[in-house]
Every structure is written in C-alpha cells, then in structure tokens.
C-alpha cells in the first residue's frame, strides 16, 4: 500500500473510532527521528504499528545505521577510531545515515565527529562510492544499502567492511547501531488506555487493507 492510501485508510479508521474530543495530535504516524524526540520527553504510550516491508523474503519493520570502511583499513575498528577520520554522510538530516550513528557516539560517552571531519555527499550510494574510491575513510549509511549492493554489485562487497557490526534476531541486514521502528504509528501519553487498545486491535485484526 502506498503511504497516501495508508493515510486515507487510517483517517477512515480514526473517524470511525475517535471521540469528538480527540485532538489531531492524539495519534501520530511519524518518522524515526520524531519518534525518538517524542520518546525522549516521555510523550509516548506505545507503538501500535510500524511500516513493514518484505526484503529477501523477510518482513522488516526496523532500521538502523551502518558504519562502512574499506577492508584494507584494519586500524578502524571502534567508534573511537572513527572520530578523526574523514566521514562520508548523506547529510545530517538522514536518520540511518547520520542521526542513529551520532546517538551511538553519545551513548558511548564520546564527542560527536566535528564538522571538519564530516563530508556531506547527498545520498547513501554516493557515500558508498566515496568509501570505495578512498575519498573518505569511513561512511555512514542506513541499513539495507549494503545488502542491496550485494545483489546489484556483488564484486564490490569484499572491498568493504562493516565497523561495529551488530546482530539482531529476525533482522536480515548489516547494521552498526541499535534498531528503531520505521515509520511507527504511536499513541501519545495522554490517550486513554482503552482507546489505545481499540485502535491497536483494529490495526492488528484488519485483513482487508487496500493494495497499492
């Protein structure tokens, strides 16, 4: 289903279930960046649903960030090794390509890479190419990019290595960070539990979603 058609379906569901006193911000369908912001200030009750895609036969509902370097750079092993390297990023507004990885530095008690070390390149694919060509030492991309390259350009993968690789049950992609819900549908903290249960129940049991 396209995002536009899902929005229309959700609007119909909320009109059917919503009391007249509901505000527009009671339920939020948001991206991972805004989800973390809401969670950090204690504004969330629960995640009721997430966008799910099927890739390589696996249902994927999460994303994370990936740290790439060339396979011939064995000295780059940890976050501390990365800070003073030239780091290719798609841009600071990209969640998987920068923000998820910036959080890992903060969680480890390390300063964020300085602006003088960051090289904005505009896209995830451009970051991968810059790493391969040696124009940057390290690249930050979102999960799924490396695995897509495996299918499209298999010979380049032996030249790349994932730094701080993580493994999560049921998650099929290379990743260097913790995982986050992709486009979660959430209830804010002030929404009554009974309302959350009713909406979540409809989301989980509706089988006839329109295709698109």
N, C-alpha and C. Protein backbone atom coordinates (compact mmCIF):
# COMPACT_ATOMS: atom_id res chain seq x y z
N UNK A 1 0.84 -1.19 0.00
CA UNK A 1 0.00 0.00 0.00
C UNK A 1 0.88 1.24 0.00
N UNK A 2 0.51 2.24 -0.83
CA UNK A 2 1.26 3.49 -0.83
C UNK A 2 1.00 4.24 0.47
N UNK A 3 1.92 5.16 0.80
CA UNK A 3 1.74 5.94 2.02
C UNK A 3 0.47 6.78 1.97
N UNK A 4 0.16 7.33 0.77
CA UNK A 4 -1.03 8.16 0.67
C UNK A 4 -2.28 7.33 0.93
N UNK A 5 -2.36 6.12 0.39
CA UNK A 5 -3.54 5.29 0.60
C UNK A 5 -3.61 4.81 2.05
N UNK A 6 -2.45 4.58 2.67
CA UNK A 6 -2.47 4.20 4.08
C UNK A 6 -2.97 5.36 4.94
N UNK A 7 -2.55 6.58 4.62
CA UNK A 7 -3.04 7.74 5.35
C UNK A 7 -4.57 7.82 5.26
N UNK A 8 -5.11 7.60 4.06
CA UNK A 8 -6.56 7.67 3.88
C UNK A 8 -7.25 6.57 4.69
N UNK A 9 -6.65 5.36 4.68
CA UNK A 9 -7.25 4.26 5.44
C UNK A 9 -7.23 4.55 6.93
N UNK A 10 -6.11 5.08 7.42
CA UNK A 10 -6.02 5.42 8.84
C UNK A 10 -7.00 6.52 9.20
N UNK A 11 -7.16 7.50 8.31
CA UNK A 11 -8.11 8.58 8.59
C UNK A 11 -9.52 8.02 8.74
N UNK A 12 -9.89 7.06 7.87
CA UNK A 12 -11.21 6.45 7.98
C UNK A 12 -11.37 5.66 9.27
N UNK A 13 -10.31 4.95 9.66
CA UNK A 13 -10.35 4.19 10.92
C UNK A 13 -10.54 5.13 12.11
N UNK A 14 -9.80 6.22 12.13
CA UNK A 14 -9.89 7.14 13.27
C UNK A 14 -11.23 7.85 13.32
N UNK A 15 -11.80 8.15 12.16
CA UNK A 15 -13.13 8.76 12.16
C UNK A 15 -14.17 7.80 12.73
N UNK A 16 -13.98 6.50 12.47
CA UNK A 16 -14.93 5.51 12.97
C UNK A 16 -14.81 5.30 14.47
N UNK A 17 -13.58 5.44 15.01
CA UNK A 17 -13.34 5.11 16.41
C UNK A 17 -13.20 6.33 17.32
N UNK A 18 -12.91 7.47 16.75
CA UNK A 18 -12.47 8.60 17.57
C UNK A 18 -13.63 9.33 18.22
N UNK A 19 -13.53 9.63 19.51
CA UNK A 19 -14.48 10.53 20.17
C UNK A 19 -14.36 11.93 19.58
N UNK A 20 -15.41 12.71 19.69
CA UNK A 20 -15.39 14.06 19.11
C UNK A 20 -14.36 14.95 19.77
N UNK A 21 -13.91 14.59 20.97
CA UNK A 21 -12.97 15.44 21.72
C UNK A 21 -11.51 15.15 21.37
N UNK A 22 -11.25 14.16 20.51
CA UNK A 22 -9.86 13.87 20.17
C UNK A 22 -9.21 15.05 19.48
N UNK A 23 -7.97 15.28 19.82
CA UNK A 23 -7.17 16.28 19.11
C UNK A 23 -6.39 15.60 18.00
N UNK A 24 -5.92 16.41 17.05
CA UNK A 24 -5.21 15.85 15.91
C UNK A 24 -3.92 15.17 16.32
N UNK A 25 -3.35 15.56 17.47
CA UNK A 25 -2.05 15.03 17.87
C UNK A 25 -2.18 13.86 18.85
N UNK A 26 -3.36 13.29 19.01
CA UNK A 26 -3.50 12.14 19.91
C UNK A 26 -2.77 10.91 19.38
N UNK A 27 -2.85 10.71 18.09
CA UNK A 27 -2.19 9.58 17.43
C UNK A 27 -1.29 10.15 16.35
N UNK A 28 -0.10 9.60 16.25
CA UNK A 28 0.89 10.17 15.35
C UNK A 28 1.52 9.07 14.50
N UNK A 29 1.53 9.28 13.20
CA UNK A 29 2.31 8.41 12.30
C UNK A 29 3.54 9.22 11.91
N UNK A 30 4.71 8.79 12.36
CA UNK A 30 5.87 9.67 12.29
C UNK A 30 7.11 8.92 11.84
N UNK A 31 8.17 9.65 11.61
CA UNK A 31 9.43 9.01 11.22
C UNK A 31 10.26 8.70 12.47
N UNK A 32 11.36 8.02 12.26
CA UNK A 32 12.17 7.57 13.39
C UNK A 32 12.75 8.74 14.19
N UNK A 33 13.10 9.83 13.52
CA UNK A 33 13.66 10.98 14.22
C UNK A 33 12.66 11.57 15.19
N UNK A 34 11.44 11.83 14.73
CA UNK A 34 10.42 12.41 15.60
C UNK A 34 9.99 11.42 16.68
N UNK A 35 10.00 10.13 16.35
CA UNK A 35 9.68 9.11 17.35
C UNK A 35 10.64 9.19 18.53
N UNK A 36 11.93 9.30 18.25
CA UNK A 36 12.91 9.38 19.33
C UNK A 36 12.75 10.66 20.13
N UNK A 37 12.41 11.76 19.46
CA UNK A 37 12.20 13.02 20.17
C UNK A 37 11.01 12.90 21.12
N UNK A 38 9.91 12.32 20.63
CA UNK A 38 8.74 12.14 21.49
C UNK A 38 9.04 11.21 22.65
N UNK A 39 9.78 10.14 22.37
CA UNK A 39 10.10 9.19 23.44
C UNK A 39 11.01 9.83 24.48
N UNK A 40 11.92 10.68 24.05
CA UNK A 40 12.89 11.27 24.98
C UNK A 40 12.23 12.20 25.98
N UNK A 41 11.08 12.78 25.61
CA UNK A 41 10.39 13.69 26.53
C UNK A 41 9.20 13.01 27.21
N UNK A 42 9.10 11.68 27.07
CA UNK A 42 8.07 10.93 27.76
C UNK A 42 6.68 11.13 27.23
N UNK A 43 6.56 11.43 25.93
CA UNK A 43 5.25 11.76 25.37
C UNK A 43 4.53 10.56 24.76
N UNK A 44 5.16 9.38 24.75
CA UNK A 44 4.57 8.23 24.08
C UNK A 44 3.98 7.24 25.06
N UNK A 45 2.86 6.62 24.66
CA UNK A 45 2.31 5.49 25.39
C UNK A 45 2.81 4.19 24.81
N UNK A 46 2.66 4.02 23.50
CA UNK A 46 3.05 2.77 22.88
C UNK A 46 3.17 2.94 21.38
N UNK A 47 3.89 2.02 20.74
CA UNK A 47 3.91 1.91 19.28
C UNK A 47 2.86 0.89 18.90
N UNK A 48 1.87 1.31 18.13
CA UNK A 48 0.78 0.41 17.77
C UNK A 48 1.02 -0.31 16.45
N UNK A 49 1.80 0.27 15.58
CA UNK A 49 2.08 -0.36 14.29
C UNK A 49 3.31 0.31 13.69
N UNK A 50 3.96 -0.37 12.76
CA UNK A 50 5.07 0.20 12.03
C UNK A 50 4.93 -0.19 10.57
N UNK A 51 5.60 0.58 9.71
CA UNK A 51 5.67 0.20 8.31
C UNK A 51 6.50 -1.08 8.19
N UNK A 52 5.98 -2.05 7.44
CA UNK A 52 6.68 -3.32 7.24
C UNK A 52 6.91 -3.53 5.75
N UNK A 53 8.15 -3.82 5.37
CA UNK A 53 8.47 -4.16 4.00
C UNK A 53 9.01 -5.58 3.96
N UNK A 54 8.88 -6.22 2.83
CA UNK A 54 9.40 -7.57 2.65
C UNK A 54 10.63 -7.49 1.77
N UNK A 55 11.77 -7.87 2.31
CA UNK A 55 13.03 -7.82 1.57
C UNK A 55 13.76 -9.14 1.75
N UNK A 56 14.12 -9.73 0.64
CA UNK A 56 14.77 -11.05 0.64
C UNK A 56 13.93 -12.07 1.42
N UNK A 57 12.60 -11.95 1.29
CA UNK A 57 11.71 -12.90 1.93
C UNK A 57 11.49 -12.66 3.41
N UNK A 58 12.08 -11.61 3.97
CA UNK A 58 11.94 -11.33 5.41
C UNK A 58 11.13 -10.05 5.60
N UNK A 59 10.24 -10.06 6.59
CA UNK A 59 9.47 -8.87 6.94
C UNK A 59 10.34 -7.96 7.80
N UNK A 60 10.53 -6.74 7.35
CA UNK A 60 11.44 -5.80 8.02
C UNK A 60 10.64 -4.59 8.49
N UNK A 61 10.68 -4.32 9.80
CA UNK A 61 9.94 -3.19 10.36
C UNK A 61 10.84 -2.23 11.11
N UNK A 62 12.14 -2.41 11.02
CA UNK A 62 13.09 -1.58 11.76
C UNK A 62 14.18 -1.09 10.83
N UNK A 63 14.91 -0.09 11.29
CA UNK A 63 16.08 0.38 10.57
C UNK A 63 17.16 0.79 11.56
N UNK A 64 18.36 0.92 11.05
CA UNK A 64 19.48 1.37 11.87
C UNK A 64 20.52 2.00 10.97
N UNK A 65 21.67 2.26 11.53
CA UNK A 65 22.76 2.85 10.76
C UNK A 65 23.91 1.88 10.60
N UNK A 66 24.67 2.08 9.53
CA UNK A 66 25.80 1.21 9.21
C UNK A 66 27.06 2.05 9.05
N UNK A 67 28.15 1.61 9.67
CA UNK A 67 29.45 2.25 9.51
C UNK A 67 30.27 1.41 8.54
N UNK A 68 30.65 2.01 7.43
CA UNK A 68 31.43 1.30 6.41
C UNK A 68 32.85 1.84 6.35
N UNK A 69 33.79 0.94 6.10
CA UNK A 69 35.13 1.36 5.74
C UNK A 69 35.67 0.35 4.74
N UNK A 70 36.82 0.63 4.19
CA UNK A 70 37.40 -0.33 3.24
C UNK A 70 38.00 -1.52 4.01
N UNK A 71 37.99 -2.65 3.37
CA UNK A 71 38.52 -3.86 4.00
C UNK A 71 40.01 -3.74 4.27
N UNK A 72 40.71 -2.85 3.57
CA UNK A 72 42.15 -2.70 3.77
C UNK A 72 42.48 -1.59 4.80
N UNK A 73 41.50 -1.27 5.66
CA UNK A 73 41.73 -0.30 6.73
C UNK A 73 41.51 -0.99 8.08
N UNK A 74 42.38 -1.95 8.45
CA UNK A 74 42.17 -2.72 9.69
C UNK A 74 42.30 -1.89 10.95
N UNK A 75 42.90 -0.71 10.86
CA UNK A 75 43.07 0.12 12.06
C UNK A 75 41.76 0.77 12.51
N UNK A 76 40.74 0.74 11.67
CA UNK A 76 39.44 1.33 12.02
C UNK A 76 38.53 0.21 12.53
N UNK A 77 38.38 0.13 13.85
CA UNK A 77 37.62 -0.96 14.47
C UNK A 77 36.51 -0.49 15.39
N UNK A 78 36.65 0.68 16.00
CA UNK A 78 35.71 1.13 17.02
C UNK A 78 35.27 2.56 16.73
N UNK A 79 34.28 3.02 17.49
CA UNK A 79 33.84 4.40 17.37
C UNK A 79 34.97 5.38 17.66
N UNK A 80 35.78 5.05 18.64
CA UNK A 80 36.89 5.94 18.99
C UNK A 80 37.87 6.08 17.83
N UNK A 81 38.00 5.04 17.03
CA UNK A 81 38.91 5.10 15.87
C UNK A 81 38.37 5.99 14.76
N UNK A 82 37.07 6.24 14.77
CA UNK A 82 36.41 6.92 13.66
C UNK A 82 36.45 8.43 13.79
N UNK A 83 36.48 8.94 15.00
CA UNK A 83 36.22 10.35 15.26
C UNK A 83 37.08 11.30 14.43
N UNK A 84 38.33 10.96 14.20
CA UNK A 84 39.23 11.88 13.49
C UNK A 84 39.44 11.48 12.03
N UNK A 85 38.63 10.55 11.55
CA UNK A 85 38.70 10.15 10.14
C UNK A 85 37.80 11.05 9.31
N UNK A 86 38.02 11.04 8.00
CA UNK A 86 37.08 11.72 7.09
C UNK A 86 35.85 10.82 6.97
N UNK A 87 34.69 11.36 7.31
CA UNK A 87 33.47 10.57 7.39
C UNK A 87 32.48 11.05 6.33
N UNK A 88 32.15 10.18 5.40
CA UNK A 88 31.15 10.50 4.39
C UNK A 88 29.75 10.22 4.93
N UNK A 89 28.86 11.19 4.77
CA UNK A 89 27.48 11.01 5.21
C UNK A 89 26.56 11.51 4.09
N UNK A 90 25.35 10.98 3.99
CA UNK A 90 24.41 11.55 3.02
C UNK A 90 23.99 12.96 3.42
N UNK A 91 23.92 13.22 4.74
CA UNK A 91 23.55 14.53 5.27
C UNK A 91 23.15 14.37 6.72
N UNK A 92 23.19 15.44 7.48
CA UNK A 92 22.88 15.32 8.91
C UNK A 92 21.39 15.12 9.17
N UNK A 93 20.53 15.34 8.18
CA UNK A 93 19.09 15.13 8.37
C UNK A 93 18.68 13.68 8.13
N UNK A 94 19.60 12.83 7.69
CA UNK A 94 19.30 11.43 7.41
C UNK A 94 19.37 10.63 8.71
N UNK A 95 18.29 9.94 9.04
CA UNK A 95 18.29 9.20 10.31
C UNK A 95 19.29 8.05 10.29
N UNK A 96 19.15 7.12 9.35
CA UNK A 96 20.07 5.99 9.30
C UNK A 96 21.47 6.37 8.87
N UNK A 97 21.57 7.44 8.07
CA UNK A 97 22.86 7.86 7.54
C UNK A 97 23.63 8.82 8.40
N UNK A 98 23.04 9.25 9.53
CA UNK A 98 23.79 10.10 10.46
C UNK A 98 23.26 10.05 11.88
N UNK A 99 21.97 10.33 12.08
CA UNK A 99 21.46 10.54 13.43
C UNK A 99 21.55 9.30 14.32
N UNK A 100 21.24 8.13 13.78
CA UNK A 100 21.34 6.90 14.58
C UNK A 100 22.78 6.65 15.00
N UNK A 101 23.72 7.01 14.14
CA UNK A 101 25.13 6.80 14.45
C UNK A 101 25.64 7.86 15.41
N UNK A 102 25.15 9.09 15.27
CA UNK A 102 25.53 10.13 16.23
C UNK A 102 25.10 9.74 17.64
N UNK A 103 23.94 9.11 17.75
CA UNK A 103 23.48 8.69 19.08
C UNK A 103 24.42 7.65 19.67
N UNK A 104 24.99 6.78 18.85
CA UNK A 104 25.92 5.77 19.36
C UNK A 104 27.15 6.43 19.97
N UNK A 105 27.62 7.51 19.38
CA UNK A 105 28.74 8.25 19.97
C UNK A 105 28.35 8.81 21.34
N UNK A 106 27.17 9.42 21.40
CA UNK A 106 26.71 9.98 22.67
C UNK A 106 26.54 8.90 23.73
N UNK A 107 25.96 7.76 23.34
CA UNK A 107 25.73 6.67 24.29
C UNK A 107 27.05 6.11 24.81
N UNK A 108 28.10 6.17 23.99
CA UNK A 108 29.41 5.67 24.40
C UNK A 108 30.22 6.71 25.16
N UNK A 109 29.65 7.90 25.34
CA UNK A 109 30.37 8.96 26.04
C UNK A 109 31.45 9.61 25.21
N UNK A 110 31.33 9.53 23.89
CA UNK A 110 32.33 10.10 23.00
C UNK A 110 31.79 11.38 22.36
N UNK A 111 32.64 12.35 22.13
CA UNK A 111 32.19 13.56 21.41
C UNK A 111 31.76 13.19 20.00
N UNK A 112 30.79 13.94 19.48
CA UNK A 112 30.37 13.73 18.11
C UNK A 112 31.50 14.12 17.15
N UNK A 113 31.58 13.45 16.00
CA UNK A 113 32.57 13.88 15.00
C UNK A 113 32.38 15.35 14.66
N UNK A 114 33.46 16.08 14.55
CA UNK A 114 33.38 17.51 14.26
C UNK A 114 32.99 17.77 12.82
N UNK A 115 32.45 18.97 12.58
CA UNK A 115 32.02 19.32 11.23
C UNK A 115 33.18 19.31 10.24
N UNK A 116 34.39 19.49 10.74
CA UNK A 116 35.55 19.48 9.85
C UNK A 116 35.90 18.08 9.38
N UNK A 117 35.32 17.04 10.01
CA UNK A 117 35.58 15.67 9.56
C UNK A 117 34.43 15.10 8.75
N UNK A 118 33.26 15.75 8.78
CA UNK A 118 32.09 15.24 8.06
C UNK A 118 32.10 15.74 6.61
N UNK A 119 31.78 14.82 5.70
CA UNK A 119 31.74 15.15 4.27
C UNK A 119 30.34 14.83 3.75
N UNK A 120 29.42 15.80 3.70
CA UNK A 120 28.07 15.53 3.19
C UNK A 120 28.13 15.25 1.69
N UNK A 121 27.48 14.16 1.28
CA UNK A 121 27.56 13.72 -0.11
C UNK A 121 26.20 13.60 -0.79
N UNK A 122 25.13 13.80 -0.05
CA UNK A 122 23.82 13.89 -0.68
C UNK A 122 23.01 12.62 -0.78
N UNK A 123 23.66 11.46 -0.81
CA UNK A 123 22.91 10.20 -0.92
C UNK A 123 23.74 9.06 -0.32
N UNK A 124 23.03 7.98 0.01
CA UNK A 124 23.72 6.81 0.56
C UNK A 124 24.65 6.19 -0.48
N UNK A 125 24.20 6.09 -1.72
CA UNK A 125 25.04 5.49 -2.76
C UNK A 125 26.31 6.29 -2.97
N UNK A 126 26.21 7.61 -2.89
CA UNK A 126 27.40 8.45 -3.05
C UNK A 126 28.39 8.20 -1.92
N UNK A 127 27.88 7.94 -0.72
CA UNK A 127 28.77 7.63 0.41
C UNK A 127 29.53 6.34 0.14
N UNK A 128 28.82 5.31 -0.31
CA UNK A 128 29.48 4.02 -0.58
C UNK A 128 30.58 4.21 -1.63
N UNK A 129 30.28 4.94 -2.69
CA UNK A 129 31.28 5.15 -3.74
C UNK A 129 32.48 5.92 -3.22
N UNK A 130 32.26 6.90 -2.36
CA UNK A 130 33.37 7.68 -1.81
C UNK A 130 34.27 6.81 -0.93
N UNK A 131 33.68 5.87 -0.19
CA UNK A 131 34.49 4.94 0.61
C UNK A 131 35.31 4.05 -0.31
N UNK A 132 34.68 3.49 -1.32
CA UNK A 132 35.38 2.59 -2.24
C UNK A 132 36.53 3.30 -2.95
N UNK A 133 36.34 4.57 -3.29
CA UNK A 133 37.36 5.32 -4.03
C UNK A 133 38.40 5.94 -3.12
N UNK A 134 38.24 5.80 -1.80
CA UNK A 134 39.22 6.34 -0.87
C UNK A 134 39.11 7.83 -0.65
N UNK A 135 38.00 8.45 -1.10
CA UNK A 135 37.83 9.90 -0.88
C UNK A 135 37.43 10.21 0.55
N UNK A 136 36.88 9.22 1.25
CA UNK A 136 36.63 9.32 2.69
C UNK A 136 37.12 8.03 3.33
N UNK A 137 37.40 8.09 4.62
CA UNK A 137 37.90 6.91 5.33
C UNK A 137 36.78 6.00 5.80
N UNK A 138 35.65 6.63 6.15
CA UNK A 138 34.51 5.93 6.73
C UNK A 138 33.25 6.49 6.11
N UNK A 139 32.23 5.64 5.98
CA UNK A 139 30.94 6.12 5.50
C UNK A 139 29.82 5.70 6.43
N UNK A 140 28.85 6.59 6.60
CA UNK A 140 27.64 6.28 7.37
C UNK A 140 26.48 6.13 6.38
N UNK A 141 25.79 5.01 6.41
CA UNK A 141 24.62 4.79 5.56
C UNK A 141 23.54 4.09 6.38
N UNK A 142 22.34 4.05 5.88
CA UNK A 142 21.26 3.37 6.59
C UNK A 142 21.31 1.88 6.29
N UNK A 143 20.68 1.10 7.15
CA UNK A 143 20.63 -0.35 6.96
C UNK A 143 19.88 -0.66 5.66
N UNK A 144 20.31 -1.74 5.02
CA UNK A 144 19.71 -2.17 3.76
C UNK A 144 20.51 -1.76 2.54
N UNK A 145 21.31 -0.69 2.64
CA UNK A 145 22.08 -0.21 1.49
C UNK A 145 23.15 -1.23 1.09
N UNK A 146 23.91 -1.70 2.07
CA UNK A 146 24.97 -2.67 1.78
C UNK A 146 24.39 -3.94 1.20
N UNK A 147 23.26 -4.37 1.72
CA UNK A 147 22.66 -5.61 1.27
C UNK A 147 22.09 -5.48 -0.14
N UNK A 148 21.59 -4.29 -0.48
CA UNK A 148 21.15 -4.06 -1.86
C UNK A 148 22.33 -4.12 -2.81
N UNK A 149 23.47 -3.58 -2.40
CA UNK A 149 24.66 -3.64 -3.24
C UNK A 149 25.11 -5.08 -3.47
N UNK A 150 24.88 -5.92 -2.47
CA UNK A 150 25.23 -7.33 -2.63
C UNK A 150 24.53 -7.92 -3.84
N UNK A 151 23.29 -7.51 -4.06
CA UNK A 151 22.52 -8.03 -5.18
C UNK A 151 22.85 -7.32 -6.49
N UNK A 152 23.14 -6.02 -6.41
CA UNK A 152 23.33 -5.23 -7.63
C UNK A 152 24.79 -5.18 -8.09
N UNK A 153 25.72 -5.22 -7.15
CA UNK A 153 27.14 -5.05 -7.49
C UNK A 153 27.99 -5.91 -6.58
N UNK A 154 27.71 -7.21 -6.58
CA UNK A 154 28.37 -8.14 -5.67
C UNK A 154 29.87 -8.02 -5.56
N UNK A 155 30.61 -7.80 -6.68
CA UNK A 155 32.08 -7.76 -6.59
C UNK A 155 32.65 -6.67 -5.70
N UNK A 156 31.87 -5.59 -5.40
CA UNK A 156 32.44 -4.52 -4.58
C UNK A 156 32.42 -4.86 -3.10
N UNK A 157 31.57 -5.78 -2.69
CA UNK A 157 31.41 -6.01 -1.26
C UNK A 157 32.65 -6.51 -0.55
N UNK A 158 33.45 -7.41 -1.16
CA UNK A 158 34.68 -7.81 -0.45
C UNK A 158 35.63 -6.66 -0.15
N UNK A 159 35.44 -5.53 -0.82
CA UNK A 159 36.29 -4.37 -0.58
C UNK A 159 35.79 -3.50 0.57
N UNK A 160 34.64 -3.86 1.13
CA UNK A 160 34.04 -3.08 2.21
C UNK A 160 33.94 -3.91 3.49
N UNK A 161 33.95 -3.24 4.62
CA UNK A 161 33.79 -3.91 5.91
C UNK A 161 32.86 -3.06 6.79
N UNK A 162 31.99 -3.74 7.53
CA UNK A 162 31.09 -3.07 8.46
C UNK A 162 31.79 -2.96 9.82
N UNK A 163 31.88 -1.76 10.33
CA UNK A 163 32.51 -1.49 11.64
C UNK A 163 31.45 -1.62 12.73
N UNK A 164 31.85 -2.24 13.83
CA UNK A 164 30.97 -2.43 14.99
C UNK A 164 29.67 -3.14 14.58
N UNK A 165 29.81 -4.23 13.83
CA UNK A 165 28.65 -4.96 13.33
C UNK A 165 27.83 -5.53 14.47
N UNK A 166 26.50 -5.38 14.37
CA UNK A 166 25.56 -5.89 15.37
C UNK A 166 24.70 -6.98 14.73
N UNK A 167 24.18 -7.88 15.57
CA UNK A 167 23.27 -8.92 15.09
C UNK A 167 22.00 -8.89 15.92
N UNK A 168 20.85 -8.86 15.25
CA UNK A 168 19.55 -8.86 15.92
C UNK A 168 18.69 -9.96 15.32
N UNK A 169 18.07 -10.74 16.17
CA UNK A 169 17.22 -11.84 15.72
C UNK A 169 16.12 -11.31 14.80
N UNK A 170 15.99 -11.92 13.63
CA UNK A 170 14.94 -11.55 12.69
C UNK A 170 15.26 -10.35 11.82
N UNK A 171 16.39 -9.71 12.03
CA UNK A 171 16.76 -8.54 11.21
C UNK A 171 17.81 -8.99 10.20
N UNK A 172 17.51 -8.92 8.89
CA UNK A 172 18.38 -9.58 7.91
C UNK A 172 19.53 -8.72 7.38
N UNK A 173 19.65 -7.47 7.81
CA UNK A 173 20.61 -6.57 7.20
C UNK A 173 21.81 -6.29 8.10
N UNK A 174 22.92 -5.91 7.47
CA UNK A 174 24.08 -5.44 8.21
C UNK A 174 23.71 -4.15 8.93
N UNK A 175 24.18 -4.00 10.17
CA UNK A 175 23.86 -2.80 10.95
C UNK A 175 24.91 -2.60 12.03
N UNK A 176 25.18 -1.33 12.36
CA UNK A 176 26.18 -0.99 13.38
C UNK A 176 25.57 -0.36 14.62
N UNK A 177 24.27 -0.11 14.61
CA UNK A 177 23.62 0.59 15.71
C UNK A 177 22.48 -0.27 16.26
N UNK A 178 21.85 0.23 17.31
CA UNK A 178 20.59 -0.38 17.74
C UNK A 178 19.53 -0.12 16.68
N UNK A 179 18.40 -0.82 16.78
CA UNK A 179 17.34 -0.70 15.78
C UNK A 179 16.23 0.24 16.26
N UNK A 180 15.56 0.85 15.29
CA UNK A 180 14.47 1.77 15.57
C UNK A 180 13.29 1.44 14.67
N UNK A 181 12.05 1.69 15.14
CA UNK A 181 10.89 1.41 14.28
C UNK A 181 10.86 2.34 13.08
N UNK A 182 10.51 1.78 11.94
CA UNK A 182 10.44 2.58 10.72
C UNK A 182 9.02 3.06 10.50
N UNK A 183 8.82 4.38 10.48
CA UNK A 183 7.51 4.99 10.35
C UNK A 183 6.51 4.39 11.33
N UNK A 184 6.73 4.54 12.65
CA UNK A 184 5.81 3.98 13.64
C UNK A 184 4.51 4.79 13.75
N UNK A 185 3.45 4.10 14.08
CA UNK A 185 2.15 4.71 14.39
C UNK A 185 2.00 4.62 15.90
N UNK A 186 1.97 5.76 16.58
CA UNK A 186 2.08 5.77 18.04
C UNK A 186 0.95 6.57 18.67
N UNK A 187 0.67 6.22 19.92
CA UNK A 187 -0.28 6.98 20.74
C UNK A 187 0.51 7.84 21.72
N UNK A 188 0.08 9.08 21.90
CA UNK A 188 0.73 9.95 22.87
C UNK A 188 0.27 9.61 24.29
N UNK A 189 1.02 10.09 25.25
CA UNK A 189 0.85 9.62 26.63
C UNK A 189 -0.52 9.94 27.22
N UNK A 190 -1.17 10.99 26.76
CA UNK A 190 -2.44 11.38 27.37
C UNK A 190 -3.64 10.59 26.84
N UNK A 191 -3.43 9.76 25.82
CA UNK A 191 -4.54 8.98 25.25
C UNK A 191 -4.91 7.85 26.21
N UNK A 192 -6.19 7.68 26.46
CA UNK A 192 -6.64 6.66 27.40
C UNK A 192 -6.30 5.25 26.92
N UNK A 193 -5.98 4.37 27.88
CA UNK A 193 -5.58 3.00 27.55
C UNK A 193 -6.65 2.28 26.73
N UNK A 194 -7.92 2.50 27.06
CA UNK A 194 -8.98 1.82 26.33
C UNK A 194 -9.00 2.22 24.86
N UNK A 195 -8.75 3.49 24.59
CA UNK A 195 -8.70 3.97 23.21
C UNK A 195 -7.52 3.33 22.47
N UNK A 196 -6.36 3.28 23.14
CA UNK A 196 -5.18 2.67 22.54
C UNK A 196 -5.46 1.22 22.19
N UNK A 197 -6.09 0.49 23.10
CA UNK A 197 -6.38 -0.92 22.84
C UNK A 197 -7.33 -1.09 21.67
N UNK A 198 -8.35 -0.23 21.57
CA UNK A 198 -9.33 -0.35 20.49
C UNK A 198 -8.69 -0.09 19.13
N UNK A 199 -7.89 0.97 19.06
CA UNK A 199 -7.25 1.29 17.78
C UNK A 199 -6.23 0.22 17.42
N UNK A 200 -5.41 -0.21 18.41
CA UNK A 200 -4.41 -1.24 18.14
C UNK A 200 -5.08 -2.54 17.69
N UNK A 201 -6.22 -2.88 18.31
CA UNK A 201 -6.92 -4.08 17.92
C UNK A 201 -7.40 -4.03 16.49
N UNK A 202 -7.93 -2.87 16.09
CA UNK A 202 -8.37 -2.75 14.70
C UNK A 202 -7.19 -2.82 13.73
N UNK A 203 -6.08 -2.20 14.10
CA UNK A 203 -4.90 -2.26 13.24
C UNK A 203 -4.40 -3.68 13.05
N UNK A 204 -4.43 -4.47 14.15
CA UNK A 204 -3.86 -5.82 14.12
C UNK A 204 -4.80 -6.83 13.45
N UNK A 205 -6.11 -6.58 13.50
CA UNK A 205 -7.05 -7.59 13.00
C UNK A 205 -7.61 -7.30 11.63
N UNK A 206 -7.41 -6.07 11.13
CA UNK A 206 -7.92 -5.74 9.81
C UNK A 206 -7.13 -6.48 8.74
N UNK A 207 -7.78 -7.34 8.01
CA UNK A 207 -7.09 -8.13 6.98
C UNK A 207 -7.29 -7.54 5.60
N UNK A 208 -8.32 -6.71 5.41
CA UNK A 208 -8.65 -6.26 4.06
C UNK A 208 -8.10 -4.92 3.73
N UNK A 209 -6.84 -4.65 4.03
CA UNK A 209 -6.26 -3.36 3.66
C UNK A 209 -6.18 -3.26 2.15
N UNK A 210 -6.46 -2.08 1.59
CA UNK A 210 -6.40 -1.94 0.15
C UNK A 210 -4.97 -2.06 -0.36
N UNK A 211 -4.82 -2.76 -1.47
CA UNK A 211 -3.48 -2.90 -2.06
C UNK A 211 -3.11 -1.62 -2.77
N UNK A 212 -1.79 -1.40 -2.91
CA UNK A 212 -1.37 -0.19 -3.61
C UNK A 212 0.09 0.04 -3.40
